[in-house]
Amino acid sequence: MTPSAPKTAASETESSAAALTEAANDKALELAFLLASLPQNIRVPGAAAPPAVAVRRITEDSREVDEDTLFVAVEGLQQDGHRFIPQAVAAGAAAVVGSCTLARLEERSWWPRHARTPYIQVTDSREALSWLSAALYGFPSRDQTVIGVTGTDGKTTTCSLLEAILSRGVGVGVITTVGARIAGIEQETGLHVTTPDASTVQAFLAQMRAAGCGYAVVESTSFGLDQKRVAAVAYDVAALTNITHEHLDIHGSFEAYREAKFLLFRSLFHSERKPGVPRVAVFNLDDGSCQPLREALAEESARNHAAGVSTYIYSVADPTADIYARHIEYLPEATRFELVWPGGTVPLETRLIGEFNVSNILCAAAAALGLGIAPEQIQQGVASLSSVLGRMQRMDCGQDFLAVVDFAHSPASLERALETLRPLVAGDSGNGGGRLIAVFGCAGLRDRGKRRLMGQVSGRLADFTVITAEDPRTEDLEEINREIAAGVREAVEGAAEGDDEQARSRIESAGQAGTQTEAASPYYAVVPDRAAAIRYGVEMARAGDVVASFGKGHERSMCYGETEYPWNEQEAMLSALRARKTAVSNGQ
């Protein structure tokens, strides 16, 4: 079963992007002026001077084109935008920019015969889109201090922490996977959006500037960096949380994925300095990317002697780092620790749970300290952030067990999440205590290698796993779930034969006690419908258990086939909790 009321992701994102463009930009600029903003390496030598054409909008979507629009044809992962030039011309495009020669377009029938629309060839239309969009909005990032946050996990939380810290002094705008906020006001970004398209990024930055925001915090994904959506953003601070096994289906290899992340840091050396604003690189000593990133920065520094980028290295516990934590206390109601930095120490308290959130706080604090923010302001900002949507978010209907919604969707993030939740389970599951119940799936048309790995992680660290849907797209959901289940079985069998006494005790207990529900295995169940899977986990819960659903977090859609259906993980969990509460009160 799939959720109801379908809505395509493209239509939602495109309509909101178009509205944003209208709101952020109300003047037309000459095409020649926009083209003059392009870096030399993107321009084609010997190109004729462009005609006098006014441009009010820029888009890569032919469906958004009208007479004032510059259409930029971009070759995508699934379709080549040059194919849609005839539609853009028919809609009255002011001009077209592309990376194909005009002869090549005519050969493929991608250029209308007798068309009089100006065509400008560039070497890279994707990067051109970023620079042209920035020029249309007056290069807004040049008037703000811009902090880019990248990494596999923790980006959104780190961005939210920075927003909380920086907003205590001046207006802040932020773009994350959860959404965008301008001076604290939520903005619509569409469905399944990480780093938005280049034009939308620049439109948001322009709105931030208009609202008086001195800081812009931009969650910068590997995909957004690799696709050059933020190529024209003038970053001042680059911060890295971690780099783990993810998005290999897109990047091809871990090394390529890592290098995409490093593009954010390399950009610090290639944009004009802003008066009085430092350039800062922040990265994680506890992560395997630390040394390769050091080498990449040294390489850039050797080529750009005048760049002057300062580095701030943080660690949860290693005192050789510039910034680290000590005296960490994980309490039921809060986490407390001392932040140690070259200027002294500052006590911090947060309602965010887990060691990985200590790491996220250190990352945000390092970026803030690099910008000269006072430790007291960091202390207040960290304390003020009570939760982040879909990140270790507690869901409460008065039940006698803990229910959590979290975005963990990679083997590493799932492992960290389960290790964080284990101490919150009442007693020891091997001796009749509480259990840790994990509900999750894996996305279709994404990295297949992580499915078995995530099953192994859950089989090793959870007491029971409910395997379900998570954006199967056009793949066979049953096959996806079989791959996850294989990983669970491998972990259970390995633990039963291994030396981990706690894991073996949990497995033996599950095998003896069953699950109080009808399951094909005492260790896992496959429930394809996600809402039903969450209900399954909630219904089997006992006092002292922890039930956590992973993978969707903040997302507001689920993809079946090629259609996005509205989805709300928090509502699904609350609905299951309410149904259980009603059943209990009725004596069922």
Foldseek 3Di string as FASTA:
>chain_A
DDFDDFDFQVVFQVVQLLVLLVVLFDDWDWPQQLVVQDDPQFADPPDDRDDGFIASEEDCDLVSAAQRYEHEFACDPVHTSLQCQVSNLVRNHQAYEYADDPVVCVVVVSDPPPRPHHYGHTNHSLLSSLSSLCVSNVNLLLQAAEEEEEEDDLLQVLQLLLCLLVLVPFWEWEQAQLAIDASRHTGDNTFRDGQDAQNSVSSSSSVNVVVGGRYYYYHQYLVCQVSNSCVSRQHQEYFYQEYDDFFCLPQVDSVSSLVSSLSVVLSLLPDDDHPPFHREYEYEPVYPCVVVSVVVNVVSCVVRVPSHYYYFYEYADDPVGQWYWPPWDFDPQWIWTWIQHPVGIDIAIARDFFSSVVSSLRRSVRRCVSRVRDPVSSRSSRHVDNDDFQCQDWFDPPDLETEGGHADAFLVSLLRVLVRCVVQFADALLVVGAFEEEEEFHAAPTDLVRLLSNLLSCLQRGLAYEYEDAQPAAHDRVVRSVSSPNSSVVNLVDVCPDDPPSSVSSSVSLQVPAQVDDAPDSHYHYDHHRLVSLLVQVLSGDRRYYYYYYNCGSGQWHHYHSITHGDDPSVSNNVSVVVNVVCVVVVD
